[in-house]
Amino acid sequence: MEEMHSLTIAIATADRVTVADHLARSSAFLVLKVEDGRIVSTTIRGRKADACGNHAGFAEILEGCDAVVCGGIGAGAADSLAARGIQPVVAAGQHSIEDAAALYLAGTLATTAERVCLCH
């Protein structure tokens, strides 16, 4: 019997339609539970949207996630999440949540290091 592979990914969003351009500007995370490459459940974890630089609570909100997809992230938040085993994934370009999820699961989501904010 083959072992089931499971993964939990979060997608940052400010409008619940597209990937947020910056993690700190997100108002919610769409959390996808994936088993053997198929999405088996979807939940929304909301947060109060704050100005860029307020990273309080990200680790708690994203607890249990293996990765978070966003359009940009500060170095401090990226380091904090990585230290907790949550891989920050910065998508290159703009994507709908649906497209970003499909591309990530297919292993074809284009990523970039250029949108990692170093201002704080």
C-alpha atoms as a PDB file:
ATOM      1  CA  MET A   1       0.000   0.000   0.000  1.00  0.00           C
ATOM      2  CA  GLU A   2       1.403   3.403  -0.983  1.00  0.00           C
ATOM      3  CA  GLU A   3       1.851   6.141   1.579  1.00  0.00           C
ATOM      4  CA  MET A   4      -0.548   9.074   1.202  1.00  0.00           C
ATOM      5  CA  HIS A   5       1.229  12.393   0.646  1.00  0.00           C
ATOM      6  CA  SER A   6      -0.463  15.364   2.273  1.00  0.00           C
ATOM      7  CA  LEU A   7       0.346  19.045   2.138  1.00  0.00           C
ATOM      8  CA  THR A   8      -1.303  22.163   3.494  1.00  0.00           C
ATOM      9  CA  ILE A   9      -0.758  25.401   1.595  1.00  0.00           C
ATOM     10  CA  ALA A  10      -2.040  28.887   2.295  1.00  0.00           C
ATOM     11  CA  ILE A  11      -2.605  31.560  -0.331  1.00  0.00           C
ATOM     12  CA  ALA A  12      -2.518  35.172   0.867  1.00  0.00           C
ATOM     13  CA  THR A  13      -5.309  37.386  -0.449  1.00  0.00           C
ATOM     14  CA  ALA A  14      -6.670  40.876   0.122  1.00  0.00           C
ATOM     15  CA  ASP A  15      -9.817  40.446  -1.964  1.00  0.00           C
ATOM     16  CA  ARG A  16     -10.469  36.674  -1.793  1.00  0.00           C
ATOM     17  CA  VAL A  17     -10.052  36.521  -5.591  1.00  0.00           C
ATOM     18  CA  THR A  18      -6.376  37.210  -6.312  1.00  0.00           C
ATOM     19  CA  VAL A  19      -3.050  36.531  -4.602  1.00  0.00           C
ATOM     20  CA  ALA A  20      -2.138  39.476  -2.343  1.00  0.00           C
ATOM     21  CA  ASP A  21       0.721  41.593  -3.688  1.00  0.00           C
ATOM     22  CA  HIS A  22       2.365  41.522  -0.233  1.00  0.00           C
ATOM     23  CA  LEU A  23       1.867  39.163   2.701  1.00  0.00           C
ATOM     24  CA  ALA A  24       1.419  42.045   5.164  1.00  0.00           C
ATOM     25  CA  ARG A  25      -1.412  43.500   3.058  1.00  0.00           C
ATOM     26  CA  SER A  26      -3.435  40.298   3.073  1.00  0.00           C
ATOM     27  CA  SER A  27      -6.771  40.179   4.859  1.00  0.00           C
ATOM     28  CA  ALA A  28      -7.197  36.407   4.650  1.00  0.00           C
ATOM     29  CA  PHE A  29      -5.529  33.156   3.727  1.00  0.00           C
ATOM     30  CA  LEU A  30      -7.203  30.469   1.670  1.00  0.00           C
ATOM     31  CA  VAL A  31      -5.893  27.246   3.215  1.00  0.00           C
ATOM     32  CA  LEU A  32      -5.908  24.166   1.007  1.00  0.00           C
ATOM     33  CA  LYS A  33      -5.479  20.666   2.377  1.00  0.00           C
ATOM     34  CA  VAL A  34      -4.003  18.514  -0.380  1.00  0.00           C
ATOM     35  CA  GLU A  35      -3.754  14.737  -0.431  1.00  0.00           C
ATOM     36  CA  ASP A  36      -2.021  12.915  -3.266  1.00  0.00           C
ATOM     37  CA  GLY A  37      -2.104  16.057  -5.406  1.00  0.00           C
ATOM     38  CA  ARG A  38      -5.852  16.687  -4.974  1.00  0.00           C
ATOM     39  CA  ILE A  39      -7.465  19.440  -2.906  1.00  0.00           C
ATOM     40  CA  VAL A  40      -9.614  17.716  -0.295  1.00  0.00           C
ATOM     41  CA  SER A  41     -10.646  20.742   1.781  1.00  0.00           C
ATOM     42  CA  THR A  42     -10.561  24.519   1.669  1.00  0.00           C
ATOM     43  CA  THR A  43     -10.898  26.938   4.576  1.00  0.00           C
ATOM     44  CA  ILE A  44     -10.490  30.688   5.022  1.00  0.00           C
ATOM     45  CA  ARG A  45      -8.406  32.083   7.854  1.00  0.00           C
ATOM     46  CA  GLY A  46      -9.084  35.796   8.227  1.00  0.00           C
ATOM     47  CA  ARG A  47      -6.844  38.453   9.706  1.00  0.00           C
ATOM     48  CA  LYS A  48      -6.993  42.173  10.289  1.00  0.00           C
ATOM     49  CA  ALA A  49      -5.216  43.884   7.387  1.00  0.00           C
ATOM     50  CA  ASP A  50      -2.482  46.177   8.656  1.00  0.00           C
ATOM     51  CA  ALA A  51       0.154  48.399   7.155  1.00  0.00           C
ATOM     52  CA  CYS A  52       3.262  46.816   5.713  1.00  0.00           C
ATOM     53  CA  GLY A  53       5.630  45.907   8.517  1.00  0.00           C
ATOM     54  CA  ASN A  54       3.144  44.500  11.033  1.00  0.00           C
ATOM     55  CA  HIS A  55       3.870  40.786  11.029  1.00  0.00           C
ATOM     56  CA  ALA A  56       2.199  39.943  14.313  1.00  0.00           C
ATOM     57  CA  GLY A  57       0.213  36.772  14.211  1.00  0.00           C
ATOM     58  CA  PHE A  58       1.317  35.316  10.859  1.00  0.00           C
ATOM     59  CA  ALA A  59       2.898  32.264  12.476  1.00  0.00           C
ATOM     60  CA  GLU A  60      -0.244  31.583  14.504  1.00  0.00           C
ATOM     61  CA  ILE A  61      -2.603  32.122  11.568  1.00  0.00           C
ATOM     62  CA  LEU A  62      -0.510  29.869   9.322  1.00  0.00           C
ATOM     63  CA  GLU A  63       0.092  27.168  11.920  1.00  0.00           C
ATOM     64  CA  GLY A  64      -0.065  23.733  10.324  1.00  0.00           C
ATOM     65  CA  CYS A  65       0.687  25.036   6.832  1.00  0.00           C
ATOM     66  CA  ASP A  66       3.662  23.769   4.849  1.00  0.00           C
ATOM     67  CA  ALA A  67       3.848  26.810   2.539  1.00  0.00           C
ATOM     68  CA  VAL A  68       2.291  30.222   1.945  1.00  0.00           C
ATOM     69  CA  VAL A  69       1.959  31.739  -1.526  1.00  0.00           C
ATOM     70  CA  CYS A  70       2.017  35.533  -1.800  1.00  0.00           C
ATOM     71  CA  GLY A  71       3.059  38.266  -4.222  1.00  0.00           C
ATOM     72  CA  GLY A  72       5.710  39.758  -1.933  1.00  0.00           C
ATOM     73  CA  ILE A  73       7.046  39.383   1.591  1.00  0.00           C
ATOM     74  CA  GLY A  74       9.383  41.166   3.962  1.00  0.00           C
ATOM     75  CA  ALA A  75      12.634  39.459   4.896  1.00  0.00           C
ATOM     76  CA  GLY A  76      11.662  39.377   8.572  1.00  0.00           C
ATOM     77  CA  ALA A  77       8.351  37.657   7.912  1.00  0.00           C
ATOM     78  CA  ALA A  78       9.995  35.231   5.469  1.00  0.00           C
ATOM     79  CA  ASP A  79      12.649  34.301   8.039  1.00  0.00           C
ATOM     80  CA  SER A  80      10.096  33.957  10.836  1.00  0.00           C
ATOM     81  CA  LEU A  81       7.850  31.662   8.792  1.00  0.00           C
ATOM     82  CA  ALA A  82      10.764  29.574   7.503  1.00  0.00           C
ATOM     83  CA  ALA A  83      11.993  29.099  11.072  1.00  0.00           C
ATOM     84  CA  ARG A  84       8.588  27.547  11.850  1.00  0.00           C
ATOM     85  CA  GLY A  85       8.726  25.209   8.865  1.00  0.00           C
ATOM     86  CA  ILE A  86       6.428  27.295   6.652  1.00  0.00           C
ATOM     87  CA  GLN A  87       7.955  27.891   3.212  1.00  0.00           C
ATOM     88  CA  PRO A  88       7.279  31.402   1.876  1.00  0.00           C
ATOM     89  CA  VAL A  89       6.633  31.241  -1.881  1.00  0.00           C
ATOM     90  CA  VAL A  90       6.714  34.556  -3.757  1.00  0.00           C
ATOM     91  CA  ALA A  91       4.773  34.262  -7.006  1.00  0.00           C
ATOM     92  CA  ALA A  92       6.139  36.113 -10.036  1.00  0.00           C
ATOM     93  CA  GLY A  93       3.374  38.204 -11.560  1.00  0.00           C
ATOM     94  CA  GLN A  94      -0.280  38.474 -10.630  1.00  0.00           C
ATOM     95  CA  HIS A  95      -2.472  35.397 -10.289  1.00  0.00           C
ATOM     96  CA  SER A  96      -5.984  34.492  -9.290  1.00  0.00           C
ATOM     97  CA  ILE A  97      -6.106  32.276  -6.214  1.00  0.00           C
ATOM     98  CA  GLU A  98      -7.386  29.408  -8.351  1.00  0.00           C
ATOM     99  CA  ASP A  99      -4.565  29.717 -10.894  1.00  0.00           C
ATOM    100  CA  ALA A 100      -1.877  30.079  -8.218  1.00  0.00           C
ATOM    101  CA  ALA A 101      -3.123  26.944  -6.445  1.00  0.00           C
ATOM    102  CA  ALA A 102      -3.209  24.915  -9.660  1.00  0.00           C
ATOM    103  CA  LEU A 103       0.241  26.089 -10.748  1.00  0.00           C
ATOM    104  CA  TYR A 104       1.744  25.469  -7.303  1.00  0.00           C
ATOM    105  CA  LEU A 105       0.339  21.942  -7.142  1.00  0.00           C
ATOM    106  CA  ALA A 106       1.571  21.231 -10.673  1.00  0.00           C
ATOM    107  CA  GLY A 107       5.028  22.468  -9.691  1.00  0.00           C
ATOM    108  CA  THR A 108       4.926  25.170 -12.377  1.00  0.00           C
ATOM    109  CA  LEU A 109       4.260  28.351 -10.359  1.00  0.00           C
ATOM    110  CA  ALA A 110       6.893  30.889 -11.428  1.00  0.00           C
ATOM    111  CA  THR A 111       8.532  32.408  -8.351  1.00  0.00           C
ATOM    112  CA  THR A 112      10.877  35.301  -7.744  1.00  0.00           C
ATOM    113  CA  ALA A 113      13.260  36.597  -5.101  1.00  0.00           C
ATOM    114  CA  GLU A 114      12.867  40.146  -6.434  1.00  0.00           C
ATOM    115  CA  ARG A 115       9.696  40.834  -4.479  1.00  0.00           C
ATOM    116  CA  VAL A 116      11.165  40.104  -1.072  1.00  0.00           C
ATOM    117  CA  CYS A 117      10.920  43.464   0.669  1.00  0.00           C
ATOM    118  CA  LEU A 118      14.076  44.415   2.563  1.00  0.00           C
ATOM    119  CA  CYS A 119      12.778  47.739   3.895  1.00  0.00           C
ATOM    120  CA  HIS A 120      12.189  46.454   7.437  1.00  0.00           C
END
